[in-house]
N, C-alpha and C. Protein backbone atom coordinates (compact mmCIF):
# COMPACT_ATOMS: atom_id res chain seq x y z
N MET A 1 67.21 56.19 80.97
CA MET A 1 67.31 56.26 82.42
C MET A 1 68.78 56.37 82.86
N ALA A 2 69.65 55.60 82.23
CA ALA A 2 71.07 55.63 82.60
C ALA A 2 71.68 56.99 82.30
N ALA A 3 71.19 57.64 81.23
CA ALA A 3 71.74 58.95 80.86
C ALA A 3 71.43 60.00 81.92
N ILE A 4 70.20 60.01 82.40
CA ILE A 4 69.85 61.02 83.41
C ILE A 4 70.55 60.72 84.74
N LEU A 5 70.76 59.45 85.03
CA LEU A 5 71.50 59.08 86.24
C LEU A 5 72.93 59.60 86.16
N SER A 6 73.56 59.46 85.01
CA SER A 6 74.94 59.95 84.87
C SER A 6 74.99 61.47 84.96
N LEU A 7 73.96 62.16 84.47
CA LEU A 7 73.91 63.62 84.60
C LEU A 7 73.80 64.03 86.07
N ILE A 8 72.94 63.34 86.81
CA ILE A 8 72.77 63.66 88.23
C ILE A 8 74.05 63.34 89.01
N GLU A 9 74.70 62.25 88.69
CA GLU A 9 75.97 61.91 89.35
C GLU A 9 77.04 62.95 89.03
N PHE A 10 77.03 63.46 87.80
CA PHE A 10 77.97 64.52 87.42
C PHE A 10 77.67 65.80 88.21
N GLN A 11 76.37 66.10 88.39
CA GLN A 11 75.97 67.25 89.20
C GLN A 11 76.48 67.09 90.63
N LEU A 12 76.32 65.89 91.16
CA LEU A 12 76.75 65.61 92.53
C LEU A 12 78.27 65.79 92.67
N LYS A 13 79.02 65.29 91.72
CA LYS A 13 80.48 65.43 91.74
C LYS A 13 80.88 66.90 91.69
N ASN A 14 80.24 67.67 90.81
CA ASN A 14 80.56 69.10 90.71
C ASN A 14 80.17 69.85 91.98
N ALA A 15 79.03 69.51 92.56
CA ALA A 15 78.59 70.17 93.79
C ALA A 15 79.55 69.87 94.94
N GLN A 16 80.02 68.62 95.03
CA GLN A 16 80.99 68.26 96.06
C GLN A 16 82.31 69.00 95.85
N GLU A 17 82.74 69.09 94.61
CA GLU A 17 83.98 69.81 94.32
C GLU A 17 83.84 71.30 94.61
N LEU A 18 82.67 71.85 94.32
CA LEU A 18 82.42 73.27 94.61
C LEU A 18 82.47 73.51 96.12
N THR A 19 81.95 72.58 96.90
CA THR A 19 82.02 72.70 98.36
C THR A 19 83.48 72.77 98.82
N GLU A 20 84.31 71.92 98.25
CA GLU A 20 85.74 71.91 98.60
C GLU A 20 86.42 73.21 98.17
N VAL A 21 86.08 73.69 96.98
CA VAL A 21 86.68 74.92 96.46
C VAL A 21 86.28 76.12 97.33
N LEU A 22 85.04 76.14 97.79
CA LEU A 22 84.60 77.24 98.65
C LEU A 22 85.33 77.22 99.99
N GLU A 23 85.64 76.04 100.49
CA GLU A 23 86.43 75.94 101.73
C GLU A 23 87.85 76.45 101.48
N GLN A 24 88.43 76.10 100.34
CA GLN A 24 89.76 76.61 99.98
C GLN A 24 89.72 78.14 99.87
N GLU A 25 88.65 78.65 99.28
CA GLU A 25 88.50 80.10 99.14
C GLU A 25 88.42 80.76 100.51
N ARG A 26 87.66 80.16 101.42
CA ARG A 26 87.53 80.71 102.77
C ARG A 26 88.90 80.81 103.45
N LEU A 27 89.69 79.75 103.31
CA LEU A 27 91.04 79.75 103.91
C LEU A 27 91.94 80.79 103.25
N ALA A 28 91.85 80.92 101.94
CA ALA A 28 92.67 81.90 101.22
C ALA A 28 92.29 83.32 101.63
N ILE A 29 91.00 83.56 101.83
CA ILE A 29 90.55 84.88 102.28
C ILE A 29 91.05 85.15 103.69
N ALA A 30 90.92 84.16 104.57
CA ALA A 30 91.35 84.32 105.96
C ALA A 30 92.85 84.59 106.04
N ASN A 31 93.62 83.95 105.17
CA ASN A 31 95.07 84.13 105.16
C ASN A 31 95.52 85.26 104.24
N ARG A 32 94.57 85.88 103.56
CA ARG A 32 94.81 87.01 102.66
C ARG A 32 95.85 86.70 101.58
N VAL A 33 95.64 85.58 100.90
CA VAL A 33 96.53 85.17 99.81
C VAL A 33 95.81 85.51 98.51
N SER A 34 96.04 86.72 98.02
CA SER A 34 95.27 87.23 96.87
C SER A 34 95.46 86.40 95.61
N LYS A 35 96.66 85.87 95.40
CA LYS A 35 96.91 85.06 94.21
C LYS A 35 96.02 83.81 94.23
N ASP A 36 95.93 83.17 95.40
CA ASP A 36 95.09 81.98 95.53
C ASP A 36 93.61 82.33 95.39
N ILE A 37 93.21 83.46 95.94
CA ILE A 37 91.80 83.87 95.87
C ILE A 37 91.38 84.01 94.41
N GLU A 38 92.23 84.62 93.60
CA GLU A 38 91.92 84.82 92.19
C GLU A 38 91.82 83.50 91.44
N ALA A 39 92.77 82.60 91.67
CA ALA A 39 92.75 81.29 90.99
C ALA A 39 91.55 80.47 91.42
N ILE A 40 91.23 80.52 92.70
CA ILE A 40 90.08 79.78 93.21
C ILE A 40 88.79 80.34 92.63
N ALA A 41 88.71 81.65 92.50
CA ALA A 41 87.51 82.27 91.92
C ALA A 41 87.29 81.79 90.49
N GLN A 42 88.36 81.67 89.72
CA GLN A 42 88.23 81.17 88.35
C GLN A 42 87.73 79.73 88.33
N HIS A 43 88.28 78.91 89.22
CA HIS A 43 87.86 77.51 89.31
C HIS A 43 86.39 77.42 89.73
N LYS A 44 86.02 78.28 90.66
CA LYS A 44 84.63 78.32 91.15
C LYS A 44 83.68 78.69 90.01
N ILE A 45 84.04 79.65 89.20
CA ILE A 45 83.21 80.06 88.07
C ILE A 45 83.04 78.90 87.09
N THR A 46 84.13 78.18 86.82
CA THR A 46 84.06 77.02 85.92
C THR A 46 83.09 75.97 86.45
N LEU A 47 83.18 75.68 87.74
CA LEU A 47 82.28 74.68 88.33
C LEU A 47 80.83 75.13 88.29
N ILE A 48 80.59 76.39 88.56
CA ILE A 48 79.22 76.91 88.53
C ILE A 48 78.65 76.83 87.11
N GLU A 49 79.47 77.16 86.13
CA GLU A 49 79.01 77.05 84.74
C GLU A 49 78.71 75.61 84.37
N GLN A 50 79.54 74.67 84.83
CA GLN A 50 79.27 73.25 84.57
C GLN A 50 77.97 72.82 85.23
N LEU A 51 77.74 73.27 86.44
CA LEU A 51 76.49 72.94 87.13
C LEU A 51 75.29 73.50 86.38
N GLN A 52 75.39 74.73 85.91
CA GLN A 52 74.28 75.34 85.17
C GLN A 52 74.03 74.63 83.85
N ASN A 53 75.09 74.30 83.14
CA ASN A 53 74.94 73.60 81.85
C ASN A 53 74.33 72.22 82.04
N THR A 54 74.81 71.50 83.04
CA THR A 54 74.26 70.16 83.30
C THR A 54 72.82 70.26 83.77
N ASP A 55 72.51 71.26 84.55
CA ASP A 55 71.14 71.47 85.01
C ASP A 55 70.21 71.69 83.82
N GLU A 56 70.68 72.45 82.86
CA GLU A 56 69.88 72.69 81.65
C GLU A 56 69.69 71.39 80.88
N ARG A 57 70.72 70.58 80.79
CA ARG A 57 70.60 69.29 80.09
C ARG A 57 69.61 68.37 80.81
N VAL A 58 69.63 68.39 82.14
CA VAL A 58 68.68 67.58 82.92
C VAL A 58 67.27 68.07 82.67
N ARG A 59 67.10 69.38 82.65
CA ARG A 59 65.77 69.98 82.44
C ARG A 59 65.18 69.57 81.09
N ARG A 60 66.03 69.42 80.07
CA ARG A 60 65.56 69.07 78.73
C ARG A 60 65.48 67.56 78.50
N HIS A 61 65.93 66.77 79.46
CA HIS A 61 65.95 65.31 79.29
C HIS A 61 64.52 64.76 79.30
N PRO A 62 64.23 63.78 78.43
CA PRO A 62 62.88 63.22 78.36
C PRO A 62 62.44 62.50 79.65
N ASP A 63 63.36 62.01 80.45
CA ASP A 63 63.01 61.31 81.69
C ASP A 63 63.05 62.21 82.92
N VAL A 64 62.90 63.52 82.73
CA VAL A 64 63.04 64.47 83.83
C VAL A 64 62.02 64.20 84.95
N GLU A 65 60.86 63.65 84.62
CA GLU A 65 59.84 63.38 85.64
C GLU A 65 60.30 62.31 86.62
N SER A 66 61.20 61.44 86.19
CA SER A 66 61.67 60.35 87.05
C SER A 66 62.57 60.84 88.19
N LEU A 67 62.97 62.11 88.15
CA LEU A 67 63.84 62.64 89.20
C LEU A 67 63.18 62.59 90.57
N THR A 68 61.88 62.79 90.60
CA THR A 68 61.17 62.78 91.88
C THR A 68 60.54 61.43 92.18
N SER A 69 60.25 60.65 91.16
CA SER A 69 59.54 59.38 91.38
C SER A 69 60.47 58.18 91.50
N ASP A 70 61.62 58.20 90.87
CA ASP A 70 62.52 57.04 90.89
C ASP A 70 63.24 56.95 92.24
N PRO A 71 63.19 55.79 92.90
CA PRO A 71 63.83 55.66 94.23
C PRO A 71 65.36 55.75 94.19
N GLU A 72 65.96 55.55 93.03
CA GLU A 72 67.41 55.66 92.91
C GLU A 72 67.83 57.11 92.66
N LEU A 73 67.03 57.85 91.89
CA LEU A 73 67.38 59.22 91.53
C LEU A 73 66.99 60.24 92.61
N SER A 74 65.86 60.03 93.23
CA SER A 74 65.34 61.01 94.18
C SER A 74 66.32 61.37 95.30
N PRO A 75 66.96 60.40 95.95
CA PRO A 75 67.93 60.77 97.00
C PRO A 75 69.15 61.53 96.45
N LEU A 76 69.56 61.18 95.24
CA LEU A 76 70.69 61.89 94.62
C LEU A 76 70.34 63.34 94.34
N VAL A 77 69.12 63.55 93.83
CA VAL A 77 68.66 64.91 93.54
C VAL A 77 68.60 65.72 94.83
N GLU A 78 68.09 65.12 95.90
CA GLU A 78 68.03 65.82 97.19
C GLU A 78 69.42 66.15 97.70
N GLN A 79 70.35 65.23 97.51
CA GLN A 79 71.73 65.46 97.95
C GLN A 79 72.37 66.61 97.17
N VAL A 80 72.15 66.63 95.86
CA VAL A 80 72.68 67.72 95.02
C VAL A 80 72.07 69.04 95.46
N SER A 81 70.77 69.05 95.66
CA SER A 81 70.07 70.26 96.06
C SER A 81 70.59 70.77 97.41
N SER A 82 70.80 69.86 98.34
CA SER A 82 71.31 70.23 99.65
C SER A 82 72.72 70.81 99.55
N LEU A 83 73.57 70.17 98.76
CA LEU A 83 74.94 70.67 98.58
C LEU A 83 74.96 72.05 97.93
N ILE A 84 74.10 72.25 96.94
CA ILE A 84 74.04 73.55 96.27
C ILE A 84 73.61 74.63 97.26
N SER A 85 72.65 74.31 98.11
CA SER A 85 72.21 75.26 99.12
C SER A 85 73.35 75.61 100.08
N GLU A 86 74.10 74.61 100.50
CA GLU A 86 75.26 74.84 101.36
C GLU A 86 76.31 75.70 100.65
N CYS A 87 76.50 75.44 99.37
CA CYS A 87 77.47 76.22 98.58
C CYS A 87 77.05 77.68 98.49
N GLN A 88 75.75 77.92 98.31
CA GLN A 88 75.27 79.30 98.23
C GLN A 88 75.53 80.03 99.54
N GLN A 89 75.29 79.35 100.66
CA GLN A 89 75.53 79.97 101.96
C GLN A 89 77.03 80.24 102.17
N ALA A 90 77.86 79.26 101.83
CA ALA A 90 79.31 79.43 101.98
C ALA A 90 79.82 80.55 101.09
N ASN A 91 79.28 80.66 99.88
CA ASN A 91 79.69 81.71 98.96
C ASN A 91 79.30 83.09 99.52
N GLU A 92 78.13 83.17 100.13
CA GLU A 92 77.68 84.42 100.74
C GLU A 92 78.63 84.81 101.88
N VAL A 93 78.99 83.86 102.72
CA VAL A 93 79.92 84.11 103.83
C VAL A 93 81.28 84.56 103.30
N ASN A 94 81.77 83.88 102.26
CA ASN A 94 83.06 84.25 101.67
C ASN A 94 83.00 85.66 101.08
N GLY A 95 81.89 86.00 100.45
CA GLY A 95 81.73 87.34 99.88
C GLY A 95 81.78 88.41 100.96
N GLN A 96 81.11 88.15 102.09
CA GLN A 96 81.14 89.10 103.20
C GLN A 96 82.55 89.22 103.78
N ALA A 97 83.25 88.10 103.87
CA ALA A 97 84.63 88.13 104.38
C ALA A 97 85.54 88.93 103.45
N LEU A 98 85.33 88.77 102.14
CA LEU A 98 86.11 89.55 101.17
C LEU A 98 85.84 91.04 101.31
N GLN A 99 84.58 91.39 101.52
CA GLN A 99 84.23 92.80 101.69
C GLN A 99 84.89 93.37 102.95
N ARG A 100 84.87 92.59 104.03
CA ARG A 100 85.52 93.05 105.26
C ARG A 100 87.03 93.19 105.06
N ALA A 101 87.64 92.25 104.35
CA ALA A 101 89.08 92.33 104.09
C ALA A 101 89.40 93.57 103.25
N GLN A 102 88.57 93.86 102.26
CA GLN A 102 88.78 95.04 101.42
C GLN A 102 88.64 96.32 102.24
N LEU A 103 87.65 96.36 103.11
CA LEU A 103 87.45 97.52 103.97
C LEU A 103 88.66 97.70 104.90
N SER A 104 89.14 96.61 105.45
CA SER A 104 90.31 96.66 106.33
C SER A 104 91.53 97.18 105.57
N PHE A 105 91.71 96.69 104.35
CA PHE A 105 92.83 97.14 103.52
C PHE A 105 92.72 98.64 103.25
N ASN A 106 91.51 99.10 102.91
CA ASN A 106 91.32 100.52 102.61
C ASN A 106 91.62 101.38 103.84
N LYS A 107 91.20 100.93 105.02
CA LYS A 107 91.48 101.69 106.24
C LYS A 107 92.98 101.75 106.49
N LEU A 108 93.65 100.62 106.33
CA LEU A 108 95.10 100.58 106.52
C LEU A 108 95.80 101.50 105.52
N ASN A 109 95.36 101.48 104.29
CA ASN A 109 95.93 102.32 103.25
C ASN A 109 95.74 103.80 103.60
N ASN A 110 94.55 104.15 104.08
CA ASN A 110 94.30 105.54 104.47
C ASN A 110 95.20 105.95 105.64
N LEU A 111 95.36 105.05 106.62
CA LEU A 111 96.24 105.36 107.75
C LEU A 111 97.68 105.57 107.29
N MET A 112 98.12 104.75 106.36
CA MET A 112 99.48 104.89 105.84
C MET A 112 99.65 106.24 105.14
N GLN A 113 98.66 106.62 104.37
CA GLN A 113 98.74 107.90 103.67
C GLN A 113 98.73 109.06 104.66
N GLN A 114 97.92 108.95 105.71
CA GLN A 114 97.86 110.01 106.71
C GLN A 114 99.17 110.11 107.48
N SER A 115 99.80 108.97 107.73
CA SER A 115 101.05 108.99 108.49
C SER A 115 102.18 109.63 107.69
N GLN A 116 102.07 109.65 106.38
CA GLN A 116 103.10 110.27 105.55
C GLN A 116 102.93 111.78 105.50
N GLY A 117 101.85 112.27 106.03
CA GLY A 117 101.64 113.70 106.10
C GLY A 117 100.78 114.21 104.97
N LYS A 118 99.82 115.04 105.34
CA LYS A 118 98.91 115.58 104.34
C LYS A 118 99.51 116.76 103.61
N LEU A 119 100.53 117.39 104.19
CA LEU A 119 101.09 118.58 103.56
C LEU A 119 101.70 118.27 102.21
N GLY A 120 102.31 117.12 102.08
CA GLY A 120 102.96 116.77 100.83
C GLY A 120 102.08 115.96 99.90
N MET A 121 100.80 115.81 100.25
CA MET A 121 99.94 114.98 99.42
C MET A 121 99.27 115.83 98.33
N THR A 122 99.32 115.33 97.13
CA THR A 122 98.67 115.98 95.99
C THR A 122 98.04 114.89 95.14
N TYR A 123 97.44 115.27 94.04
CA TYR A 123 96.76 114.29 93.19
C TYR A 123 97.37 114.25 91.80
N THR A 124 97.42 113.06 91.22
CA THR A 124 97.91 112.90 89.86
C THR A 124 96.78 113.20 88.89
N ALA A 125 97.09 113.21 87.60
CA ALA A 125 96.07 113.48 86.57
C ALA A 125 94.98 112.41 86.58
N GLU A 126 95.31 111.20 87.08
CA GLU A 126 94.32 110.12 87.13
C GLU A 126 93.47 110.18 88.39
N GLY A 127 93.75 111.12 89.29
CA GLY A 127 92.97 111.25 90.51
C GLY A 127 93.51 110.44 91.68
N GLN A 128 94.68 109.85 91.53
CA GLN A 128 95.29 109.07 92.60
C GLN A 128 96.12 110.01 93.47
N THR A 129 96.20 109.69 94.77
CA THR A 129 97.01 110.52 95.65
C THR A 129 98.49 110.25 95.42
N LYS A 130 99.28 111.30 95.62
CA LYS A 130 100.73 111.19 95.44
C LYS A 130 101.38 112.11 96.47
N ASN A 131 102.39 111.59 97.13
CA ASN A 131 103.12 112.40 98.10
C ASN A 131 104.30 113.06 97.42
N VAL A 132 104.40 114.36 97.61
CA VAL A 132 105.50 115.12 97.02
C VAL A 132 106.26 115.76 98.17
N THR A 133 107.53 115.42 98.29
CA THR A 133 108.33 115.94 99.40
C THR A 133 108.92 117.31 99.11
N THR A 134 108.94 117.73 97.85
CA THR A 134 109.55 119.02 97.50
C THR A 134 108.49 120.06 97.18
N LEU A 135 107.33 119.92 97.76
CA LEU A 135 106.22 120.81 97.46
C LEU A 135 106.60 122.26 97.79
N GLY A 136 106.85 123.04 96.77
CA GLY A 136 107.14 124.45 96.93
C GLY A 136 108.55 124.79 97.37
N THR A 137 109.42 123.82 97.51
CA THR A 137 110.77 124.11 98.02
C THR A 137 111.81 124.23 96.92
N ASN A 138 111.46 123.90 95.69
CA ASN A 138 112.46 123.97 94.63
C ASN A 138 112.14 125.08 93.63
N ILE A 139 111.52 126.16 94.11
CA ILE A 139 111.19 127.29 93.25
C ILE A 139 112.37 128.26 93.26
N LYS A 140 112.78 128.73 92.06
CA LYS A 140 113.87 129.70 91.96
C LYS A 140 113.30 131.01 91.45
N ALA A 141 113.75 132.10 92.03
CA ALA A 141 113.25 133.41 91.64
C ALA A 141 114.16 134.07 90.65
């Protein structure tokens, strides 16, 4: 019984930490701090993997039936479940915010390229755009 309780408490700790990490990610996205976004994403992946691994250990535990019947475990399980649901929603919101930020960046990048003039724009062998200011002006006959 004590072993499954410690697993559930570990789940609760990880779920609470994931909630905090998702809030940090939201702020990093809003402030467009790409270095922080990447580091937070790695931390988030680690926490999710820990949650999944611990969930699997709980599933295989011989006292798994006590999760719903034990008055000490049941509220903890509900709390973990509620936190995970909140994390999924926050992660979805963060994902949408990242997509909007990427779209905004792409639009800004396109505007910058257009402002440099299309006449001097050409493509590299890799398919990337490149501005050439001497297009056709350095030909000798």
